[in-house]
Amino acid sequence: MAGAAGTVPSTASAGSKAAVDTKSILKYGTDLQQTDSGAGPTLDPALMKGDPRQNTWGNLVYDNLVRVAPDGRYVPGLATSWTFPDDKTIELSLRKITFQDRTPFNGDAVKFSFERTLRGGNVSNRDFLQLDTVEVVTDNTVRIQLKTAVVAAYLA
């Protein structure tokens, strides 16, 4: 198992070239095995189908625009705030951050992700199917238009 802060334990002594202890590295297919007869797990959020195991890994790797707190309230995630201009519209203000490769996280990234997920056809959340359009208002603001008036359900 990897050591603290993502380091791999070494068998080398101080001052010598570090040798990696290969017994401490997890390997897919040997240490990490699929336990069902499906095509295998995916970490691509556009392809996740609601499998609890995939959701667990996905939640460890990816963040949400809005999270649900243990008490059921909606709390900020990658969106710092949101408004409901009408019953079919959600406008989100986005955090000013970057992805791990320094690509900006912005409205274009949100729009791309939503549209890619819909194109993939593997949407497991039925509410996601209510998505009509995603409009980039500014770099850090997106407007989501829904097909039907469902916003009131999220205000309760």
Protein backbone atom coordinates (compact mmCIF):
# COMPACT_ATOMS: atom_id res chain seq x y z
CA MET A 1 0.00 0.00 0.00
CA ALA A 2 1.25 3.50 -0.74
CA GLY A 3 2.71 5.41 2.16
CA ALA A 4 1.73 8.84 3.43
CA ALA A 5 1.36 11.68 0.94
CA GLY A 6 1.35 9.28 -2.01
CA THR A 7 4.89 8.06 -1.54
CA VAL A 8 5.90 4.49 -2.24
CA PRO A 9 7.85 2.76 0.53
CA SER A 10 11.48 2.22 -0.38
CA THR A 11 13.93 -0.51 0.55
CA ALA A 12 16.95 1.77 -0.06
CA SER A 13 19.12 3.09 2.73
CA ALA A 14 19.81 6.78 3.22
CA GLY A 15 22.23 8.18 0.65
CA SER A 16 21.72 5.39 -1.89
CA LYS A 17 19.55 5.43 -4.99
CA ALA A 18 15.96 4.69 -3.94
CA ALA A 19 14.66 1.29 -4.94
CA VAL A 20 10.91 0.85 -5.12
CA ASP A 21 9.43 -1.97 -3.08
CA THR A 22 7.25 -3.46 -5.82
CA LYS A 23 5.33 -5.53 -3.26
CA SER A 24 3.76 -2.28 -2.02
CA ILE A 25 2.23 -1.25 -5.37
CA LEU A 26 -1.39 -2.18 -6.07
CA LYS A 27 -1.93 -3.71 -9.50
CA TYR A 28 -5.23 -3.79 -11.37
CA GLY A 29 -6.20 -7.36 -12.18
CA THR A 30 -4.27 -8.86 -9.29
CA ASP A 31 -4.73 -6.71 -6.19
CA LEU A 32 -7.68 -4.77 -7.65
CA GLN A 33 -10.15 -7.16 -9.19
CA GLN A 34 -13.59 -6.78 -10.62
CA THR A 35 -16.06 -8.91 -8.71
CA ASP A 36 -18.96 -9.06 -11.16
CA SER A 37 -19.41 -10.24 -14.73
CA GLY A 38 -19.85 -6.75 -16.21
CA ALA A 39 -17.54 -4.95 -18.58
CA GLY A 40 -15.60 -3.50 -15.68
CA PRO A 41 -15.62 -0.36 -13.61
CA THR A 42 -15.07 3.04 -15.15
CA LEU A 43 -13.85 6.30 -13.73
CA ASP A 44 -15.34 8.25 -16.64
CA PRO A 45 -18.26 10.16 -15.10
CA ALA A 46 -20.07 10.25 -18.45
CA LEU A 47 -20.14 6.45 -18.48
CA MET A 48 -21.00 5.73 -14.85
CA LYS A 49 -24.41 4.11 -14.62
CA GLY A 50 -25.22 4.51 -10.95
CA ASP A 51 -23.39 1.39 -9.78
CA PRO A 52 -22.73 2.03 -6.07
CA ARG A 53 -19.09 0.94 -6.42
CA GLN A 54 -18.51 3.32 -9.32
CA ASN A 55 -20.27 6.10 -7.43
CA THR A 56 -18.00 5.53 -4.44
CA TRP A 57 -14.86 5.81 -6.58
CA GLY A 58 -16.34 8.70 -8.57
CA ASN A 59 -17.09 10.62 -5.38
CA LEU A 60 -13.48 10.17 -4.28
CA VAL A 61 -12.10 11.42 -7.60
CA TYR A 62 -14.58 14.08 -8.75
CA ASP A 63 -16.35 16.99 -7.13
CA ASN A 64 -19.95 18.10 -7.71
CA LEU A 65 -21.27 21.53 -8.53
CA VAL A 66 -23.60 21.28 -5.54
CA ARG A 67 -23.48 18.71 -2.75
CA VAL A 68 -26.16 17.36 -0.46
CA ALA A 69 -25.26 17.74 3.22
CA PRO A 70 -26.10 14.97 5.72
CA ASP A 71 -29.12 16.99 6.84
CA GLY A 72 -30.45 17.17 3.25
CA ARG A 73 -29.52 20.80 2.57
CA TYR A 74 -27.80 21.75 -0.68
CA VAL A 75 -24.32 23.17 -0.05
CA PRO A 76 -21.62 24.62 -2.33
CA GLY A 77 -19.26 22.34 -4.19
CA LEU A 78 -17.67 23.62 -7.39
CA ALA A 79 -20.51 26.14 -7.56
CA THR A 80 -20.21 28.79 -4.87
CA SER A 81 -23.82 29.93 -5.16
CA TRP A 82 -26.92 29.49 -7.30
CA THR A 83 -30.17 31.24 -8.06
CA PHE A 84 -33.46 30.21 -9.64
CA PRO A 85 -34.58 33.00 -12.01
CA ASP A 86 -37.69 30.92 -12.79
CA ASP A 87 -39.03 27.36 -12.33
CA LYS A 88 -37.03 26.02 -15.28
CA THR A 89 -33.72 27.85 -14.80
CA ILE A 90 -30.76 27.42 -12.47
CA GLU A 91 -27.88 29.90 -12.60
CA LEU A 92 -24.65 28.83 -10.92
CA SER A 93 -21.59 30.88 -9.94
CA LEU A 94 -18.45 28.75 -10.26
CA ARG A 95 -15.30 28.60 -8.18
CA LYS A 96 -12.24 30.18 -9.78
CA ILE A 97 -9.99 27.13 -9.80
CA THR A 98 -8.10 24.94 -12.25
CA PHE A 99 -8.03 21.25 -13.01
CA GLN A 100 -4.91 19.32 -11.95
CA ASP A 101 -3.34 20.03 -15.38
CA ARG A 102 -3.90 23.80 -14.85
CA THR A 103 -6.75 23.96 -17.40
CA PRO A 104 -9.30 26.49 -16.14
CA PHE A 105 -12.47 25.17 -14.54
CA ASN A 106 -15.07 27.47 -16.06
CA GLY A 107 -18.45 27.64 -17.72
CA ASP A 108 -17.12 26.04 -20.90
CA ALA A 109 -15.92 23.02 -18.89
CA VAL A 110 -19.30 22.65 -17.19
CA LYS A 111 -21.18 22.94 -20.49
CA PHE A 112 -18.87 20.40 -22.14
CA SER A 113 -19.28 17.93 -19.26
CA PHE A 114 -23.09 18.14 -19.19
CA GLU A 115 -23.42 17.82 -22.96
CA ARG A 116 -20.91 14.96 -23.14
CA THR A 117 -22.80 13.05 -20.46
CA LEU A 118 -26.09 13.49 -22.31
CA ARG A 119 -24.54 12.40 -25.64
CA GLY A 120 -23.18 9.26 -23.98
CA GLY A 121 -26.69 8.08 -23.14
CA ASN A 122 -25.65 6.56 -19.80
CA VAL A 123 -27.47 9.02 -17.58
CA SER A 124 -28.42 7.28 -14.32
CA ASN A 125 -29.94 10.29 -12.57
CA ARG A 126 -33.44 10.81 -13.97
CA ASP A 127 -33.33 14.50 -13.00
CA PHE A 128 -30.36 14.92 -15.34
CA LEU A 129 -32.67 14.00 -18.22
CA GLN A 130 -34.58 17.23 -17.48
CA LEU A 131 -31.61 19.19 -18.85
CA ASP A 132 -32.52 21.21 -21.94
CA THR A 133 -29.56 23.56 -22.47
CA VAL A 134 -26.47 24.86 -20.71
CA GLU A 135 -25.49 28.43 -21.48
CA VAL A 136 -22.15 29.98 -20.56
CA VAL A 137 -23.06 33.43 -19.22
CA THR A 138 -19.52 34.41 -18.14
CA ASP A 139 -16.34 32.44 -17.50
CA ASN A 140 -17.60 31.68 -14.00
CA THR A 141 -21.37 31.60 -14.49
CA VAL A 142 -23.56 29.01 -16.22
CA ARG A 143 -27.29 29.00 -16.79
CA ILE A 144 -29.03 25.64 -16.94
CA GLN A 145 -32.41 25.50 -18.67
CA LEU A 146 -34.64 22.55 -17.81
CA LYS A 147 -37.34 20.94 -19.96
CA THR A 148 -39.99 21.08 -17.25
CA ALA A 149 -40.59 23.18 -14.16
CA VAL A 150 -38.87 21.11 -11.47
CA VAL A 151 -36.92 23.79 -9.62
CA ALA A 152 -39.58 24.10 -6.91
CA ALA A 153 -38.80 20.53 -5.79
CA TYR A 154 -35.26 21.62 -4.92
CA LEU A 155 -36.40 24.61 -2.90
CA ALA A 156 -38.39 22.54 -0.39
